[in-house]
Structure formats: C-alpha cells, structure tokens
Amino acid sequence: MKTNDLAAVLENLRKKNPLILSLTNNVVQSITANMLLAVGAAPVMLNDAAECGQLLSVCANGLLVNVGTLSHPQAQLMRSAVDAAHAAGVPWVLDPVAVGLLRFRTEFCHELLAMRPTLIRGNASEIMALAGEAAGGRGTDTTEESSAAVQSARKLAQQCGCTVLVTGPVDYVTDGERVLALGNGDPLMTRVTGVGCAMGALAAACVASAPDAFTGAAACAAILGIAGERAAARCPRPGSFAGALLDELDALSPAEVAEFTRIV
C-alpha cells in the first residue's frame, strides 16, 4: 500500500462529509463529535432505535458501536442499529472497550461478532480477549503491546470476514491475510480521555470514504497519528494537547498524509 492511497481517503472524506452515527459511551461524546467535525465528517448521536434505523436507511454513511458504558437498554439499541446498518449497506465499526474483563460486555461483543462488523478497532488486550486468547486489560487500558495482538487480529479478521485495527505505539491493520504496521502517534494521545474511543468514529468516517475497510483503517491510523505528533510538538501537556489535536486534524492536508505517514 502507498501513502498516496491513504491521502486519497482524507481528500475523499473532506469532499463527501460522511454522516457518522456514533452509539458511544457517555464519557467521550463531546470529543468524538469534535474530532469528526475537525477531520471533515458530520457527527450524529441518537438514543432511540426507530430514529437510528431511519437515519441509517436514509442518509447515514457509517455507524460506530462503542460499548464503553454499556447498559442493557443500550445493547438493544445497538442490536437494532446494526441490523439497520446491514439492511442499508452501511459499514459499521465495533469498539469492544474493556472486553474480557467484564462478563456482560464480553458476551455482548461476541454476539456482535456474529453480526459481522466491517471493522473492529481495539487495543491489544481487547483484541486478544475478543479472540479468546487473553483475559482482558486493566479497565480500558491495555496490558499488552500491540505487536502481541497481531495473530489474534488476523484470527478475528478471518473468522468474521472483517478488518481489524489494533492500536498502540505501532498500529496494525489486517484483513486476515495482509498486515500493515503504521508508526505515527505520540504517548500524549493516551493521556486525554476519549481519544481512542473517538478513533473508532474517525475509523467509521474513513471506511465510509475509502475503497475498502483495510485502506480506511490504515488511513485512520495515519491521520490521527500525524495529527497527534504535531499537536504534542507544540502542546506537551494533556490539557492544551486536547485542543491542539482538534486543530491539527482540521489543518492536516492529504499531501501531508502522503508525506508523513510512516509504514514500518
């Protein structure tokens, strides 16, 4: 894959302005919406199953299902939304937050796997737990390096017929056969609540703007990673970094994605 392919995703995203329905946790809704706006996408968040179904059937371009603050009513809403996304041919992203550690979300995420997500985005512990090869991380934090989850990610991709994005200091994208490693990013991205969860929504926007989920996931990792590096270079503390990250997502050009993406 060439970095120009990833740059083309950002260019198309800005032209298309994809509408992304984010069923996400209540801790990260603001940063999720703001990151989508900054990159050139359009966010929407709903809590009614009928409205979600209508939106997905009429005008939504992507769906994020993030189980960070999962409840039984929210699980039912997510089931209905995924069914509607499938019926409308809308790609959807599963973010299995803290899977493996807690029983309810682990069982529910395995149920969602059977509903064939377009893309799964998670840290190493989450991906390994979802593949049945680890017990999970420390809350929402991983206890494994992203490289340790590559084989688990390939297994999941093959079983579900999807693409998997493993995030960490090095991000890995796989469709079960191909594996691509990208080395952009900064440790400050882990010190602002919601960056990882918002990445799931950004991934949905990129997949909706790409020729396939593999390219979209890789573009997402590159775009957010480059923006994170630039934000950290001028704002080395978490509070100012959060605002700077939005600014850098807004300022990032396709040409810069092509030039500064690090495929490792």
C-alpha atoms as a PDB file:
ATOM      1  CA  MET A   1       0.000   0.000   0.000  1.00  0.00           C
ATOM      2  CA  LYS A   2       1.224   3.503  -0.867  1.00  0.00           C
ATOM      3  CA  THR A   3       0.824   6.526   1.360  1.00  0.00           C
ATOM      4  CA  ASN A   4      -0.916   8.266  -1.532  1.00  0.00           C
ATOM      5  CA  ASP A   5      -3.746   5.750  -1.100  1.00  0.00           C
ATOM      6  CA  LEU A   6      -4.206   6.948   2.483  1.00  0.00           C
ATOM      7  CA  ALA A   7      -4.019  10.592   1.454  1.00  0.00           C
ATOM      8  CA  ALA A   8      -6.814   9.953  -1.046  1.00  0.00           C
ATOM      9  CA  VAL A   9      -9.067   8.776   1.795  1.00  0.00           C
ATOM     10  CA  LEU A  10      -8.716  12.121   3.604  1.00  0.00           C
ATOM     11  CA  GLU A  11      -9.322  14.004   0.372  1.00  0.00           C
ATOM     12  CA  ASN A  12     -12.470  11.996  -0.349  1.00  0.00           C
ATOM     13  CA  LEU A  13     -13.651  12.318   3.257  1.00  0.00           C
ATOM     14  CA  ARG A  14     -13.475  16.102   3.047  1.00  0.00           C
ATOM     15  CA  LYS A  15     -15.442  16.061  -0.208  1.00  0.00           C
ATOM     16  CA  LYS A  16     -18.029  13.558   0.973  1.00  0.00           C
ATOM     17  CA  ASN A  17     -18.545  14.896   4.542  1.00  0.00           C
ATOM     18  CA  PRO A  18     -19.785  11.460   5.700  1.00  0.00           C
ATOM     19  CA  LEU A  19     -22.509  11.380   8.339  1.00  0.00           C
ATOM     20  CA  ILE A  20     -21.453   9.058  11.171  1.00  0.00           C
ATOM     21  CA  LEU A  21     -23.923   7.732  13.727  1.00  0.00           C
ATOM     22  CA  SER A  22     -21.974   7.164  16.934  1.00  0.00           C
ATOM     23  CA  LEU A  23     -23.506   4.928  19.575  1.00  0.00           C
ATOM     24  CA  THR A  24     -20.751   5.540  22.068  1.00  0.00           C
ATOM     25  CA  ASN A  25     -20.141   5.869  25.773  1.00  0.00           C
ATOM     26  CA  ASN A  26     -21.261   8.922  27.687  1.00  0.00           C
ATOM     27  CA  VAL A  27     -17.721   9.865  28.724  1.00  0.00           C
ATOM     28  CA  VAL A  28     -16.475  10.602  25.203  1.00  0.00           C
ATOM     29  CA  GLN A  29     -19.394  12.012  23.247  1.00  0.00           C
ATOM     30  CA  SER A  30     -18.011  15.560  23.048  1.00  0.00           C
ATOM     31  CA  ILE A  31     -14.513  14.673  21.847  1.00  0.00           C
ATOM     32  CA  THR A  32     -15.978  12.133  19.422  1.00  0.00           C
ATOM     33  CA  ALA A  33     -18.228  14.736  17.810  1.00  0.00           C
ATOM     34  CA  ASN A  34     -15.460  17.339  17.758  1.00  0.00           C
ATOM     35  CA  MET A  35     -12.909  15.001  16.176  1.00  0.00           C
ATOM     36  CA  LEU A  36     -15.353  14.084  13.423  1.00  0.00           C
ATOM     37  CA  LEU A  37     -16.067  17.747  12.746  1.00  0.00           C
ATOM     38  CA  ALA A  38     -12.367  18.619  12.764  1.00  0.00           C
ATOM     39  CA  VAL A  39     -11.457  15.992  10.171  1.00  0.00           C
ATOM     40  CA  GLY A  40     -14.354  16.925   7.895  1.00  0.00           C
ATOM     41  CA  ALA A  41     -17.077  14.428   8.820  1.00  0.00           C
ATOM     42  CA  ALA A  42     -20.504  15.038  10.340  1.00  0.00           C
ATOM     43  CA  PRO A  43     -21.445  13.528  13.725  1.00  0.00           C
ATOM     44  CA  VAL A  44     -24.848  12.465  14.985  1.00  0.00           C
ATOM     45  CA  MET A  45     -25.767  10.696  18.237  1.00  0.00           C
ATOM     46  CA  LEU A  46     -29.185   9.210  18.914  1.00  0.00           C
ATOM     47  CA  ASN A  47     -30.792   7.177  21.699  1.00  0.00           C
ATOM     48  CA  ASP A  48     -33.931   5.855  20.005  1.00  0.00           C
ATOM     49  CA  ALA A  49     -33.930   2.645  17.965  1.00  0.00           C
ATOM     50  CA  ALA A  50     -36.536   3.858  15.472  1.00  0.00           C
ATOM     51  CA  GLU A  51     -34.637   7.074  14.812  1.00  0.00           C
ATOM     52  CA  CYS A  52     -31.355   5.169  14.403  1.00  0.00           C
ATOM     53  CA  GLY A  53     -32.978   2.845  11.903  1.00  0.00           C
ATOM     54  CA  GLN A  54     -34.485   5.715   9.959  1.00  0.00           C
ATOM     55  CA  LEU A  55     -31.200   7.631   9.847  1.00  0.00           C
ATOM     56  CA  LEU A  56     -29.251   4.571   8.694  1.00  0.00           C
ATOM     57  CA  SER A  57     -31.772   3.812   5.982  1.00  0.00           C
ATOM     58  CA  VAL A  58     -31.894   7.378   4.661  1.00  0.00           C
ATOM     59  CA  CYS A  59     -28.616   9.254   4.981  1.00  0.00           C
ATOM     60  CA  ALA A  60     -26.008   7.866   7.405  1.00  0.00           C
ATOM     61  CA  ASN A  61     -22.698   6.777   5.883  1.00  0.00           C
ATOM     62  CA  GLY A  62     -21.202   4.929   8.842  1.00  0.00           C
ATOM     63  CA  LEU A  63     -22.008   3.544  12.289  1.00  0.00           C
ATOM     64  CA  LEU A  64     -19.861   3.243  15.411  1.00  0.00           C
ATOM     65  CA  VAL A  65     -20.806   0.811  18.180  1.00  0.00           C
ATOM     66  CA  ASN A  66     -18.718   1.542  21.293  1.00  0.00           C
ATOM     67  CA  VAL A  67     -19.520  -0.455  24.446  1.00  0.00           C
ATOM     68  CA  GLY A  68     -17.660   1.725  26.943  1.00  0.00           C
ATOM     69  CA  THR A  69     -20.621   2.434  29.251  1.00  0.00           C
ATOM     70  CA  LEU A  70     -22.825  -0.426  28.132  1.00  0.00           C
ATOM     71  CA  SER A  71     -26.291  -0.967  29.614  1.00  0.00           C
ATOM     72  CA  HIS A  72     -29.000  -3.472  28.710  1.00  0.00           C
ATOM     73  CA  PRO A  73     -31.201  -0.839  27.001  1.00  0.00           C
ATOM     74  CA  GLN A  74     -28.178   0.444  25.070  1.00  0.00           C
ATOM     75  CA  ALA A  75     -27.308  -3.094  23.985  1.00  0.00           C
ATOM     76  CA  GLN A  76     -30.776  -3.485  22.484  1.00  0.00           C
ATOM     77  CA  LEU A  77     -30.393  -0.135  20.714  1.00  0.00           C
ATOM     78  CA  MET A  78     -27.061  -1.289  19.291  1.00  0.00           C
ATOM     79  CA  ARG A  79     -28.529  -4.573  18.027  1.00  0.00           C
ATOM     80  CA  SER A  80     -31.270  -2.689  16.211  1.00  0.00           C
ATOM     81  CA  ALA A  81     -28.811  -0.190  14.736  1.00  0.00           C
ATOM     82  CA  VAL A  82     -26.513  -2.928  13.436  1.00  0.00           C
ATOM     83  CA  ASP A  83     -29.470  -4.697  11.834  1.00  0.00           C
ATOM     84  CA  ALA A  84     -30.456  -1.420  10.168  1.00  0.00           C
ATOM     85  CA  ALA A  85     -26.889  -0.795   9.008  1.00  0.00           C
ATOM     86  CA  HIS A  86     -26.753  -4.224   7.382  1.00  0.00           C
ATOM     87  CA  ALA A  87     -30.100  -3.667   5.671  1.00  0.00           C
ATOM     88  CA  ALA A  88     -28.913  -0.317   4.303  1.00  0.00           C
ATOM     89  CA  GLY A  89     -25.414  -1.480   3.352  1.00  0.00           C
ATOM     90  CA  VAL A  90     -23.813   0.970   5.787  1.00  0.00           C
ATOM     91  CA  PRO A  91     -20.364  -0.016   7.151  1.00  0.00           C
ATOM     92  CA  TRP A  92     -20.098  -0.323  10.923  1.00  0.00           C
ATOM     93  CA  VAL A  93     -17.253  -0.317  13.416  1.00  0.00           C
ATOM     94  CA  LEU A  94     -17.126  -2.247  16.686  1.00  0.00           C
ATOM     95  CA  ASP A  95     -15.058  -0.798  19.531  1.00  0.00           C
ATOM     96  CA  PRO A  96     -15.009  -3.514  22.241  1.00  0.00           C
ATOM     97  CA  VAL A  97     -13.983  -1.318  25.181  1.00  0.00           C
ATOM     98  CA  ALA A  98     -12.717  -3.319  28.196  1.00  0.00           C
ATOM     99  CA  VAL A  99     -13.892  -6.603  26.685  1.00  0.00           C
ATOM    100  CA  GLY A 100     -12.685  -9.708  28.521  1.00  0.00           C
ATOM    101  CA  LEU A 101     -12.639  -8.066  31.914  1.00  0.00           C
ATOM    102  CA  LEU A 102     -16.403  -7.845  32.460  1.00  0.00           C
ATOM    103  CA  ARG A 103     -18.907 -10.578  31.614  1.00  0.00           C
ATOM    104  CA  PHE A 104     -21.852  -8.591  30.197  1.00  0.00           C
ATOM    105  CA  ARG A 105     -19.859  -6.626  27.656  1.00  0.00           C
ATOM    106  CA  THR A 106     -17.780  -9.664  26.728  1.00  0.00           C
ATOM    107  CA  GLU A 107     -20.838 -11.765  25.962  1.00  0.00           C
ATOM    108  CA  PHE A 108     -22.445  -8.882  24.080  1.00  0.00           C
ATOM    109  CA  CYS A 109     -19.343  -8.228  21.984  1.00  0.00           C
ATOM    110  CA  HIS A 110     -19.225 -11.884  20.991  1.00  0.00           C
ATOM    111  CA  GLU A 111     -22.863 -11.557  19.965  1.00  0.00           C
ATOM    112  CA  LEU A 112     -21.911  -8.544  17.831  1.00  0.00           C
ATOM    113  CA  LEU A 113     -19.096 -10.510  16.199  1.00  0.00           C
ATOM    114  CA  ALA A 114     -21.725 -12.846  14.804  1.00  0.00           C
ATOM    115  CA  MET A 115     -23.340  -9.748  13.230  1.00  0.00           C
ATOM    116  CA  ARG A 116     -20.181  -9.284  11.136  1.00  0.00           C
ATOM    117  CA  PRO A 117     -18.708  -5.836  11.762  1.00  0.00           C
ATOM    118  CA  THR A 118     -16.955  -4.108   8.884  1.00  0.00           C
ATOM    119  CA  LEU A 119     -14.088  -3.115  11.175  1.00  0.00           C
ATOM    120  CA  ILE A 120     -13.045  -3.907  14.733  1.00  0.00           C
ATOM    121  CA  ARG A 121     -10.900  -1.286  16.470  1.00  0.00           C
ATOM    122  CA  GLY A 122      -9.304  -2.001  19.833  1.00  0.00           C
ATOM    123  CA  ASN A 123      -6.141  -2.038  21.879  1.00  0.00           C
ATOM    124  CA  ALA A 124      -4.034  -5.171  22.134  1.00  0.00           C
ATOM    125  CA  SER A 125      -5.685  -6.569  25.275  1.00  0.00           C
ATOM    126  CA  GLU A 126      -9.166  -6.026  23.840  1.00  0.00           C
ATOM    127  CA  ILE A 127      -8.356  -7.703  20.547  1.00  0.00           C
ATOM    128  CA  MET A 128      -6.689 -10.654  22.254  1.00  0.00           C
ATOM    129  CA  ALA A 129      -9.612 -11.057  24.661  1.00  0.00           C
ATOM    130  CA  LEU A 130     -12.125 -10.869  21.829  1.00  0.00           C
ATOM    131  CA  ALA A 131     -10.201 -13.637  20.071  1.00  0.00           C
ATOM    132  CA  GLY A 132     -10.330 -15.747  23.230  1.00  0.00           C
ATOM    133  CA  GLU A 133      -6.585 -15.578  23.806  1.00  0.00           C
ATOM    134  CA  ALA A 134      -6.373 -13.321  26.891  1.00  0.00           C
ATOM    135  CA  ALA A 135      -8.468 -12.234  29.872  1.00  0.00           C
ATOM    136  CA  GLY A 136      -8.507  -8.524  29.009  1.00  0.00           C
ATOM    137  CA  GLY A 137      -6.595  -5.479  30.132  1.00  0.00           C
ATOM    138  CA  ARG A 138      -6.676  -3.171  33.142  1.00  0.00           C
ATOM    139  CA  GLY A 139     -10.030  -1.461  32.727  1.00  0.00           C
ATOM    140  CA  THR A 140      -9.840   0.413  29.436  1.00  0.00           C
ATOM    141  CA  ASP A 141      -6.026   0.217  29.380  1.00  0.00           C
ATOM    142  CA  THR A 142      -4.062  -2.450  27.582  1.00  0.00           C
ATOM    143  CA  THR A 143      -1.520  -4.629  29.356  1.00  0.00           C
ATOM    144  CA  GLU A 144      -0.057  -5.931  26.093  1.00  0.00           C
ATOM    145  CA  GLU A 145       1.998  -4.433  23.283  1.00  0.00           C
ATOM    146  CA  SER A 146       0.127  -4.019  20.012  1.00  0.00           C
ATOM    147  CA  SER A 147       2.553  -6.384  18.257  1.00  0.00           C
ATOM    148  CA  ALA A 148       1.454  -9.194  20.595  1.00  0.00           C
ATOM    149  CA  ALA A 149      -2.092  -8.987  19.217  1.00  0.00           C
ATOM    150  CA  VAL A 150      -1.319  -9.315  15.509  1.00  0.00           C
ATOM    151  CA  GLN A 151      -2.063 -13.028  15.299  1.00  0.00           C
ATOM    152  CA  SER A 152      -5.246 -12.579  17.333  1.00  0.00           C
ATOM    153  CA  ALA A 153      -6.270  -9.790  14.978  1.00  0.00           C
ATOM    154  CA  ARG A 154      -5.681 -11.988  11.939  1.00  0.00           C
ATOM    155  CA  LYS A 155      -7.730 -14.758  13.524  1.00  0.00           C
ATOM    156  CA  LEU A 156     -10.625 -12.384  14.227  1.00  0.00           C
ATOM    157  CA  ALA A 157     -10.490 -10.936  10.731  1.00  0.00           C
ATOM    158  CA  GLN A 158     -10.616 -14.392   9.172  1.00  0.00           C
ATOM    159  CA  GLN A 159     -13.427 -15.596  11.428  1.00  0.00           C
ATOM    160  CA  CYS A 160     -15.603 -12.517  10.963  1.00  0.00           C
ATOM    161  CA  GLY A 161     -14.725 -11.599   7.395  1.00  0.00           C
ATOM    162  CA  CYS A 162     -13.732  -8.114   8.506  1.00  0.00           C
ATOM    163  CA  THR A 163     -10.765  -5.807   9.008  1.00  0.00           C
ATOM    164  CA  VAL A 164      -9.152  -5.347  12.425  1.00  0.00           C
ATOM    165  CA  LEU A 165      -7.247  -2.275  13.627  1.00  0.00           C
ATOM    166  CA  VAL A 166      -5.026  -2.842  16.674  1.00  0.00           C
ATOM    167  CA  THR A 167      -3.976   0.470  18.201  1.00  0.00           C
ATOM    168  CA  GLY A 168      -0.861   1.226  20.199  1.00  0.00           C
ATOM    169  CA  PRO A 169       2.579   2.820  19.768  1.00  0.00           C
ATOM    170  CA  VAL A 170       2.534   0.950  16.457  1.00  0.00           C
ATOM    171  CA  ASP A 171      -0.892   0.446  14.878  1.00  0.00           C
ATOM    172  CA  TYR A 172      -1.574  -2.774  12.960  1.00  0.00           C
ATOM    173  CA  VAL A 173      -4.244  -3.270  10.301  1.00  0.00           C
ATOM    174  CA  THR A 174      -5.158  -6.715   8.989  1.00  0.00           C
ATOM    175  CA  ASP A 175      -7.859  -8.300   6.863  1.00  0.00           C
ATOM    176  CA  GLY A 176      -6.736 -11.782   7.876  1.00  0.00           C
ATOM    177  CA  GLU A 177      -4.161 -12.013   5.079  1.00  0.00           C
ATOM    178  CA  ARG A 178      -2.452  -8.657   4.713  1.00  0.00           C
ATOM    179  CA  VAL A 179      -0.878  -6.932   7.730  1.00  0.00           C
ATOM    180  CA  LEU A 180       0.152  -3.279   7.664  1.00  0.00           C
ATOM    181  CA  ALA A 181       2.042  -1.547  10.506  1.00  0.00           C
ATOM    182  CA  LEU A 182       1.964   2.224  10.940  1.00  0.00           C
ATOM    183  CA  GLY A 183       4.250   4.105  13.294  1.00  0.00           C
ATOM    184  CA  ASN A 184       2.715   7.553  13.744  1.00  0.00           C
ATOM    185  CA  GLY A 185       1.422   8.904  17.057  1.00  0.00           C
ATOM    186  CA  ASP A 186       2.514  10.249  20.442  1.00  0.00           C
ATOM    187  CA  PRO A 187       2.156   8.990  24.054  1.00  0.00           C
ATOM    188  CA  LEU A 188       0.088  12.075  24.942  1.00  0.00           C
ATOM    189  CA  MET A 189      -2.758  10.545  22.941  1.00  0.00           C
ATOM    190  CA  THR A 190      -3.222   8.068  25.810  1.00  0.00           C
ATOM    191  CA  ARG A 191      -3.435  10.840  28.420  1.00  0.00           C
ATOM    192  CA  VAL A 192      -6.574  12.549  27.122  1.00  0.00           C
ATOM    193  CA  THR A 193      -9.857  10.780  27.834  1.00  0.00           C
ATOM    194  CA  GLY A 194     -11.663   9.695  24.722  1.00  0.00           C
ATOM    195  CA  VAL A 195      -9.018   9.861  22.000  1.00  0.00           C
ATOM    196  CA  GLY A 196      -9.046   6.095  21.495  1.00  0.00           C
ATOM    197  CA  CYS A 197     -12.837   5.856  21.560  1.00  0.00           C
ATOM    198  CA  ALA A 198     -13.170   8.814  19.184  1.00  0.00           C
ATOM    199  CA  MET A 199     -10.766   6.995  16.889  1.00  0.00           C
ATOM    200  CA  GLY A 200     -13.492   4.423  16.334  1.00  0.00           C
ATOM    201  CA  ALA A 201     -15.759   7.135  14.929  1.00  0.00           C
ATOM    202  CA  LEU A 202     -12.917   8.505  12.817  1.00  0.00           C
ATOM    203  CA  ALA A 203     -12.363   4.964  11.515  1.00  0.00           C
ATOM    204  CA  ALA A 204     -16.028   4.773  10.507  1.00  0.00           C
ATOM    205  CA  ALA A 205     -15.660   8.056   8.596  1.00  0.00           C
ATOM    206  CA  CYS A 206     -12.512   6.822   6.865  1.00  0.00           C
ATOM    207  CA  VAL A 207     -14.034   3.456   5.935  1.00  0.00           C
ATOM    208  CA  ALA A 208     -17.041   5.308   4.501  1.00  0.00           C
ATOM    209  CA  SER A 209     -14.623   7.343   2.352  1.00  0.00           C
ATOM    210  CA  ALA A 210     -12.273   4.555   1.254  1.00  0.00           C
ATOM    211  CA  PRO A 211     -12.405   1.858  -1.436  1.00  0.00           C
ATOM    212  CA  ASP A 212     -12.280  -0.833   1.275  1.00  0.00           C
ATOM    213  CA  ALA A 213     -12.110  -1.199   5.046  1.00  0.00           C
ATOM    214  CA  PHE A 214      -8.402  -2.087   5.060  1.00  0.00           C
ATOM    215  CA  THR A 215      -7.458   1.185   3.361  1.00  0.00           C
ATOM    216  CA  GLY A 216      -9.886   3.137   5.526  1.00  0.00           C
ATOM    217  CA  ALA A 217      -8.482   1.703   8.766  1.00  0.00           C
ATOM    218  CA  ALA A 218      -4.917   2.434   7.687  1.00  0.00           C
ATOM    219  CA  ALA A 219      -5.863   5.988   6.734  1.00  0.00           C
ATOM    220  CA  CYS A 220      -7.496   6.498  10.124  1.00  0.00           C
ATOM    221  CA  ALA A 221      -4.333   5.391  11.948  1.00  0.00           C
ATOM    222  CA  ALA A 222      -2.162   7.649   9.805  1.00  0.00           C
ATOM    223  CA  ILE A 223      -4.399  10.726  10.040  1.00  0.00           C
ATOM    224  CA  LEU A 224      -4.836  10.594  13.797  1.00  0.00           C
ATOM    225  CA  GLY A 225      -1.212   9.619  14.392  1.00  0.00           C
ATOM    226  CA  ILE A 226       0.226  12.503  12.369  1.00  0.00           C
ATOM    227  CA  ALA A 227      -2.168  14.979  13.999  1.00  0.00           C
ATOM    228  CA  GLY A 228      -1.173  13.638  17.423  1.00  0.00           C
ATOM    229  CA  GLU A 229       2.522  14.084  16.705  1.00  0.00           C
ATOM    230  CA  ARG A 230       2.015  17.659  15.562  1.00  0.00           C
ATOM    231  CA  ALA A 231      -0.199  18.563  18.498  1.00  0.00           C
ATOM    232  CA  ALA A 232       2.294  17.139  21.008  1.00  0.00           C
ATOM    233  CA  ALA A 233       5.166  19.051  19.417  1.00  0.00           C
ATOM    234  CA  ARG A 234       3.603  22.386  20.330  1.00  0.00           C
ATOM    235  CA  CYS A 235       1.402  21.452  23.318  1.00  0.00           C
ATOM    236  CA  PRO A 236       3.254  18.929  25.514  1.00  0.00           C
ATOM    237  CA  ARG A 237       0.660  18.816  28.345  1.00  0.00           C
ATOM    238  CA  PRO A 238      -2.680  16.957  28.234  1.00  0.00           C
ATOM    239  CA  GLY A 239      -4.989  19.948  28.659  1.00  0.00           C
ATOM    240  CA  SER A 240      -3.620  22.038  25.824  1.00  0.00           C
ATOM    241  CA  PHE A 241      -2.903  18.928  23.738  1.00  0.00           C
ATOM    242  CA  ALA A 242      -6.613  18.053  23.527  1.00  0.00           C
ATOM    243  CA  GLY A 243      -7.450  21.322  21.781  1.00  0.00           C
ATOM    244  CA  ALA A 244      -4.331  21.206  19.652  1.00  0.00           C
ATOM    245  CA  LEU A 245      -5.262  17.731  18.406  1.00  0.00           C
ATOM    246  CA  LEU A 246      -8.526  19.081  17.002  1.00  0.00           C
ATOM    247  CA  ASP A 247      -6.665  21.964  15.381  1.00  0.00           C
ATOM    248  CA  GLU A 248      -4.162  19.630  13.754  1.00  0.00           C
ATOM    249  CA  LEU A 249      -6.885  17.317  12.439  1.00  0.00           C
ATOM    250  CA  ASP A 250      -8.535  20.354  10.888  1.00  0.00           C
ATOM    251  CA  ALA A 251      -5.261  21.620   9.382  1.00  0.00           C
ATOM    252  CA  LEU A 252      -3.933  18.295   8.079  1.00  0.00           C
ATOM    253  CA  SER A 253      -3.798  18.081   4.286  1.00  0.00           C
ATOM    254  CA  PRO A 254      -3.862  14.989   2.076  1.00  0.00           C
ATOM    255  CA  ALA A 255      -0.388  15.902   0.813  1.00  0.00           C
ATOM    256  CA  GLU A 256       0.907  15.827   4.392  1.00  0.00           C
ATOM    257  CA  VAL A 257      -0.660  12.417   4.957  1.00  0.00           C
ATOM    258  CA  ALA A 258       1.192  11.151   1.886  1.00  0.00           C
ATOM    259  CA  GLU A 259       4.476  12.685   3.054  1.00  0.00           C
ATOM    260  CA  PHE A 260       4.479  11.936   6.768  1.00  0.00           C
ATOM    261  CA  THR A 261       2.782   8.554   7.123  1.00  0.00           C
ATOM    262  CA  ARG A 262       5.274   6.039   8.485  1.00  0.00           C
ATOM    263  CA  ILE A 263       4.688   2.484   7.289  1.00  0.00           C
ATOM    264  CA  VAL A 264       7.024   0.326   9.367  1.00  0.00           C
END
